[in-house]
Amino acid sequence: QETENKLFQLKQGTDSLPIFTTKFEYILYKANSQNWPDINKISSFRNSLNSTLYSRLV
């Protein structure tokens, strides 16, 4: 549960996308998220991106 909370609180901030993705994937792994639906993982990732990058995805 604690690791899941870290995942949901994670924000990209000023990290580059490759660095942030590595952090995100590590915490995702620690949260035992292998059985989570992909849409949940994608949603969590998108919501943690900084606003500049997120706006480019929309």
PDB file of N, CA and C in Angstrom:
ATOM      1  N   GLN A   1       0.827  -1.192   0.000  1.00  0.00           N
ATOM      2  CA  GLN A   1       0.000   0.000   0.000  1.00  0.00           C
ATOM      3  C   GLN A   1       0.873   1.257   0.000  1.00  0.00           C
ATOM      4  N   GLU A   2       1.929   1.255   0.798  1.00  0.00           N
ATOM      5  CA  GLU A   2       2.807   2.419   0.862  1.00  0.00           C
ATOM      6  C   GLU A   2       3.461   2.696  -0.493  1.00  0.00           C
ATOM      7  N   THR A   3       3.876   1.633  -1.169  1.00  0.00           N
ATOM      8  CA  THR A   3       4.500   1.806  -2.485  1.00  0.00           C
ATOM      9  C   THR A   3       3.482   2.308  -3.497  1.00  0.00           C
ATOM     10  N   GLU A   4       2.252   1.823  -3.411  1.00  0.00           N
ATOM     11  CA  GLU A   4       1.203   2.319  -4.309  1.00  0.00           C
ATOM     12  C   GLU A   4       0.984   3.805  -4.082  1.00  0.00           C
ATOM     13  N   ASN A   5       0.984   4.234  -2.831  1.00  0.00           N
ATOM     14  CA  ASN A   5       0.824   5.657  -2.534  1.00  0.00           C
ATOM     15  C   ASN A   5       1.959   6.471  -3.139  1.00  0.00           C
ATOM     16  N   LYS A   6       3.191   5.950  -3.063  1.00  0.00           N
ATOM     17  CA  LYS A   6       4.329   6.641  -3.683  1.00  0.00           C
ATOM     18  C   LYS A   6       4.106   6.793  -5.183  1.00  0.00           C
ATOM     19  N   LEU A   7       3.572   5.754  -5.789  1.00  0.00           N
ATOM     20  CA  LEU A   7       3.319   5.791  -7.226  1.00  0.00           C
ATOM     21  C   LEU A   7       2.296   6.871  -7.566  1.00  0.00           C
ATOM     22  N   PHE A   8       1.221   6.942  -6.795  1.00  0.00           N
ATOM     23  CA  PHE A   8       0.166   7.908  -7.085  1.00  0.00           C
ATOM     24  C   PHE A   8       0.582   9.338  -6.750  1.00  0.00           C
ATOM     25  N   GLN A   9       1.585   9.492  -5.887  1.00  0.00           N
ATOM     26  CA  GLN A   9       2.071  10.822  -5.527  1.00  0.00           C
ATOM     27  C   GLN A   9       3.242  11.270  -6.401  1.00  0.00           C
ATOM     28  N   LEU A  10       3.805  10.357  -7.170  1.00  0.00           N
ATOM     29  CA  LEU A  10       4.973  10.654  -7.997  1.00  0.00           C
ATOM     30  C   LEU A  10       4.638  11.698  -9.062  1.00  0.00           C
ATOM     31  N   LYS A  11       5.506  12.676  -9.201  1.00  0.00           N
ATOM     32  CA  LYS A  11       5.360  13.707 -10.231  1.00  0.00           C
ATOM     33  C   LYS A  11       6.684  13.863 -10.970  1.00  0.00           C
ATOM     34  N   GLN A  12       6.599  14.142 -12.253  1.00  0.00           N
ATOM     35  CA  GLN A  12       7.789  14.287 -13.076  1.00  0.00           C
ATOM     36  C   GLN A  12       8.616  15.495 -12.672  1.00  0.00           C
ATOM     37  N   GLY A  13       7.959  16.594 -12.402  1.00  0.00           N
ATOM     38  CA  GLY A  13       8.692  17.811 -12.065  1.00  0.00           C
ATOM     39  C   GLY A  13       9.603  18.217 -13.210  1.00  0.00           C
ATOM     40  N   THR A  14      10.883  18.417 -12.916  1.00  0.00           N
ATOM     41  CA  THR A  14      11.842  18.848 -13.937  1.00  0.00           C
ATOM     42  C   THR A  14      12.694  17.697 -14.470  1.00  0.00           C
ATOM     43  N   ASP A  15      12.392  16.475 -14.051  1.00  0.00           N
ATOM     44  CA  ASP A  15      13.138  15.316 -14.562  1.00  0.00           C
ATOM     45  C   ASP A  15      12.909  15.160 -16.061  1.00  0.00           C
ATOM     46  N   SER A  16      13.933  14.710 -16.763  1.00  0.00           N
ATOM     47  CA  SER A  16      13.752  14.387 -18.179  1.00  0.00           C
ATOM     48  C   SER A  16      12.820  13.181 -18.272  1.00  0.00           C
ATOM     49  N   LEU A  17      12.231  12.983 -19.423  1.00  0.00           N
ATOM     50  CA  LEU A  17      11.311  11.857 -19.588  1.00  0.00           C
ATOM     51  C   LEU A  17      11.996  10.512 -19.352  1.00  0.00           C
ATOM     52  N   PRO A  18      13.208  10.278 -19.882  1.00  0.00           N
ATOM     53  CA  PRO A  18      13.854   8.981 -19.615  1.00  0.00           C
ATOM     54  C   PRO A  18      14.121   8.736 -18.125  1.00  0.00           C
ATOM     55  N   ILE A  19      14.550   9.765 -17.412  1.00  0.00           N
ATOM     56  CA  ILE A  19      14.824   9.603 -15.975  1.00  0.00           C
ATOM     57  C   ILE A  19      13.520   9.356 -15.229  1.00  0.00           C
ATOM     58  N   PHE A  20      12.504  10.138 -15.547  1.00  0.00           N
ATOM     59  CA  PHE A  20      11.228   9.967 -14.868  1.00  0.00           C
ATOM     60  C   PHE A  20      10.628   8.593 -15.167  1.00  0.00           C
ATOM     61  N   THR A  21      10.709   8.143 -16.404  1.00  0.00           N
ATOM     62  CA  THR A  21      10.158   6.840 -16.778  1.00  0.00           C
ATOM     63  C   THR A  21      10.838   5.724 -15.996  1.00  0.00           C
ATOM     64  N   THR A  22      12.138   5.828 -15.812  1.00  0.00           N
ATOM     65  CA  THR A  22      12.868   4.835 -15.027  1.00  0.00           C
ATOM     66  C   THR A  22      12.368   4.814 -13.589  1.00  0.00           C
ATOM     67  N   LYS A  23      12.190   5.988 -12.984  1.00  0.00           N
ATOM     68  CA  LYS A  23      11.666   6.066 -11.614  1.00  0.00           C
ATOM     69  C   LYS A  23      10.268   5.459 -11.545  1.00  0.00           C
ATOM     70  N   PHE A  24       9.434   5.835 -12.507  1.00  0.00           N
ATOM     71  CA  PHE A  24       8.056   5.353 -12.529  1.00  0.00           C
ATOM     72  C   PHE A  24       8.020   3.833 -12.643  1.00  0.00           C
ATOM     73  N   GLU A  25       8.790   3.278 -13.557  1.00  0.00           N
ATOM     74  CA  GLU A  25       8.800   1.825 -13.758  1.00  0.00           C
ATOM     75  C   GLU A  25       9.312   1.093 -12.525  1.00  0.00           C
ATOM     76  N   TYR A  26      10.295   1.667 -11.839  1.00  0.00           N
ATOM     77  CA  TYR A  26      10.827   1.037 -10.631  1.00  0.00           C
ATOM     78  C   TYR A  26       9.757   0.985  -9.543  1.00  0.00           C
ATOM     79  N   ILE A  27       9.083   2.097  -9.319  1.00  0.00           N
ATOM     80  CA  ILE A  27       8.040   2.123  -8.290  1.00  0.00           C
ATOM     81  C   ILE A  27       6.874   1.234  -8.704  1.00  0.00           C
ATOM     82  N   LEU A  28       6.552   1.210  -9.976  1.00  0.00           N
ATOM     83  CA  LEU A  28       5.509   0.324 -10.493  1.00  0.00           C
ATOM     84  C   LEU A  28       5.856  -1.131 -10.179  1.00  0.00           C
ATOM     85  N   TYR A  29       7.097  -1.502 -10.405  1.00  0.00           N
ATOM     86  CA  TYR A  29       7.562  -2.857 -10.103  1.00  0.00           C
ATOM     87  C   TYR A  29       7.459  -3.143  -8.603  1.00  0.00           C
ATOM     88  N   LYS A  30       7.899  -2.189  -7.777  1.00  0.00           N
ATOM     89  CA  LYS A  30       7.861  -2.376  -6.325  1.00  0.00           C
ATOM     90  C   LYS A  30       6.430  -2.486  -5.806  1.00  0.00           C
ATOM     91  N   ALA A  31       5.475  -1.912  -6.532  1.00  0.00           N
ATOM     92  CA  ALA A  31       4.067  -1.959  -6.128  1.00  0.00           C
ATOM     93  C   ALA A  31       3.394  -3.255  -6.566  1.00  0.00           C
ATOM     94  N   ASN A  32       4.175  -4.172  -7.152  1.00  0.00           N
ATOM     95  CA  ASN A  32       3.624  -5.448  -7.637  1.00  0.00           C
ATOM     96  C   ASN A  32       2.445  -5.225  -8.577  1.00  0.00           C
ATOM     97  N   SER A  33       2.641  -4.345  -9.519  1.00  0.00           N
ATOM     98  CA  SER A  33       1.552  -3.934 -10.408  1.00  0.00           C
ATOM     99  C   SER A  33       1.445  -4.781 -11.670  1.00  0.00           C
ATOM    100  N   GLN A  34       2.158  -5.882 -11.725  1.00  0.00           N
ATOM    101  CA  GLN A  34       2.162  -6.706 -12.931  1.00  0.00           C
ATOM    102  C   GLN A  34       0.757  -7.149 -13.334  1.00  0.00           C
ATOM    103  N   ASN A  35      -0.129  -7.311 -12.386  1.00  0.00           N
ATOM    104  CA  ASN A  35      -1.492  -7.766 -12.687  1.00  0.00           C
ATOM    105  C   ASN A  35      -2.501  -6.634 -12.812  1.00  0.00           C
ATOM    106  N   TRP A  36      -2.049  -5.401 -12.675  1.00  0.00           N
ATOM    107  CA  TRP A  36      -2.955  -4.272 -12.836  1.00  0.00           C
ATOM    108  C   TRP A  36      -3.345  -4.160 -14.308  1.00  0.00           C
ATOM    109  N   PRO A  37      -4.550  -3.702 -14.583  1.00  0.00           N
ATOM    110  CA  PRO A  37      -4.919  -3.442 -15.985  1.00  0.00           C
ATOM    111  C   PRO A  37      -4.011  -2.349 -16.569  1.00  0.00           C
ATOM    112  N   ASP A  38      -3.639  -2.506 -17.819  1.00  0.00           N
ATOM    113  CA  ASP A  38      -2.755  -1.531 -18.467  1.00  0.00           C
ATOM    114  C   ASP A  38      -3.310  -0.118 -18.403  1.00  0.00           C
ATOM    115  N   ILE A  39      -4.619   0.018 -18.524  1.00  0.00           N
ATOM    116  CA  ILE A  39      -5.221   1.352 -18.503  1.00  0.00           C
ATOM    117  C   ILE A  39      -4.938   2.066 -17.185  1.00  0.00           C
ATOM    118  N   ASN A  40      -4.877   1.330 -16.085  1.00  0.00           N
ATOM    119  CA  ASN A  40      -4.564   1.938 -14.786  1.00  0.00           C
ATOM    120  C   ASN A  40      -3.119   2.427 -14.743  1.00  0.00           C
ATOM    121  N   LYS A  41      -2.216   1.633 -15.293  1.00  0.00           N
ATOM    122  CA  LYS A  41      -0.802   2.025 -15.311  1.00  0.00           C
ATOM    123  C   LYS A  41      -0.596   3.235 -16.221  1.00  0.00           C
ATOM    124  N   ILE A  42      -1.241   3.223 -17.370  1.00  0.00           N
ATOM    125  CA  ILE A  42      -1.119   4.340 -18.315  1.00  0.00           C
ATOM    126  C   ILE A  42      -1.694   5.611 -17.712  1.00  0.00           C
ATOM    127  N   SER A  43      -2.835   5.496 -17.089  1.00  0.00           N
ATOM    128  CA  SER A  43      -3.476   6.652 -16.469  1.00  0.00           C
ATOM    129  C   SER A  43      -2.599   7.236 -15.367  1.00  0.00           C
ATOM    130  N   SER A  44      -2.040   6.387 -14.556  1.00  0.00           N
ATOM    131  CA  SER A  44      -1.156   6.842 -13.486  1.00  0.00           C
ATOM    132  C   SER A  44       0.069   7.550 -14.059  1.00  0.00           C
ATOM    133  N   PHE A  45       0.632   6.997 -15.120  1.00  0.00           N
ATOM    134  CA  PHE A  45       1.800   7.607 -15.761  1.00  0.00           C
ATOM    135  C   PHE A  45       1.447   8.979 -16.328  1.00  0.00           C
ATOM    136  N   ARG A  46       0.372   9.053 -17.068  1.00  0.00           N
ATOM    137  CA  ARG A  46      -0.022  10.331 -17.681  1.00  0.00           C
ATOM    138  C   ARG A  46      -0.306  11.392 -16.634  1.00  0.00           C
ATOM    139  N   ASN A  47      -0.951  10.996 -15.544  1.00  0.00           N
ATOM    140  CA  ASN A  47      -1.287  11.955 -14.489  1.00  0.00           C
ATOM    141  C   ASN A  47      -0.068  12.443 -13.719  1.00  0.00           C
ATOM    142  N   SER A  48       1.036  11.735 -13.828  1.00  0.00           N
ATOM    143  CA  SER A  48       2.235  12.135 -13.096  1.00  0.00           C
ATOM    144  C   SER A  48       3.196  12.970 -13.946  1.00  0.00           C
ATOM    145  N   LEU A  49       2.903  13.124 -15.220  1.00  0.00           N
ATOM    146  CA  LEU A  49       3.758  13.928 -16.098  1.00  0.00           C
ATOM    147  C   LEU A  49       3.614  15.414 -15.791  1.00  0.00           C
ATOM    148  N   ASN A  50       4.662  16.175 -16.084  1.00  0.00           N
ATOM    149  CA  ASN A  50       4.533  17.619 -15.891  1.00  0.00           C
ATOM    150  C   ASN A  50       3.578  18.185 -16.942  1.00  0.00           C
ATOM    151  N   SER A  51       3.047  19.356 -16.673  1.00  0.00           N
ATOM    152  CA  SER A  51       1.976  19.909 -17.512  1.00  0.00           C
ATOM    153  C   SER A  51       2.419  20.154 -18.955  1.00  0.00           C
ATOM    154  N   THR A  52       3.672  20.530 -19.160  1.00  0.00           N
ATOM    155  CA  THR A  52       4.162  20.780 -20.520  1.00  0.00           C
ATOM    156  C   THR A  52       4.120  19.512 -21.355  1.00  0.00           C
ATOM    157  N   LEU A  53       4.650  18.441 -20.813  1.00  0.00           N
ATOM    158  CA  LEU A  53       4.674  17.179 -21.543  1.00  0.00           C
ATOM    159  C   LEU A  53       3.269  16.607 -21.692  1.00  0.00           C
ATOM    160  N   TYR A  54       2.480  16.700 -20.633  1.00  0.00           N
ATOM    161  CA  TYR A  54       1.120  16.173 -20.686  1.00  0.00           C
ATOM    162  C   TYR A  54       0.316  16.856 -21.790  1.00  0.00           C
ATOM    163  N   SER A  55       0.466  18.161 -21.920  1.00  0.00           N
ATOM    164  CA  SER A  55      -0.298  18.900 -22.935  1.00  0.00           C
ATOM    165  C   SER A  55       0.096  18.487 -24.351  1.00  0.00           C
ATOM    166  N   ARG A  56       1.305  18.006 -24.531  1.00  0.00           N
ATOM    167  CA  ARG A  56       1.733  17.538 -25.852  1.00  0.00           C
ATOM    168  C   ARG A  56       1.095  16.203 -26.215  1.00  0.00           C
ATOM    169  N   LEU A  57       0.646  15.460 -25.216  1.00  0.00           N
ATOM    170  CA  LEU A  57       0.019  14.162 -25.461  1.00  0.00           C
ATOM    171  C   LEU A  57      -1.451  14.285 -25.826  1.00  0.00           C
ATOM    172  N   VAL A  58      -2.055  15.368 -25.423  1.00  0.00           N
ATOM    173  CA  VAL A  58      -3.499  15.531 -25.624  1.00  0.00           C
ATOM    174  C   VAL A  58      -3.805  16.007 -27.015  1.00  0.00           C
TER     175      VAL A  58
END
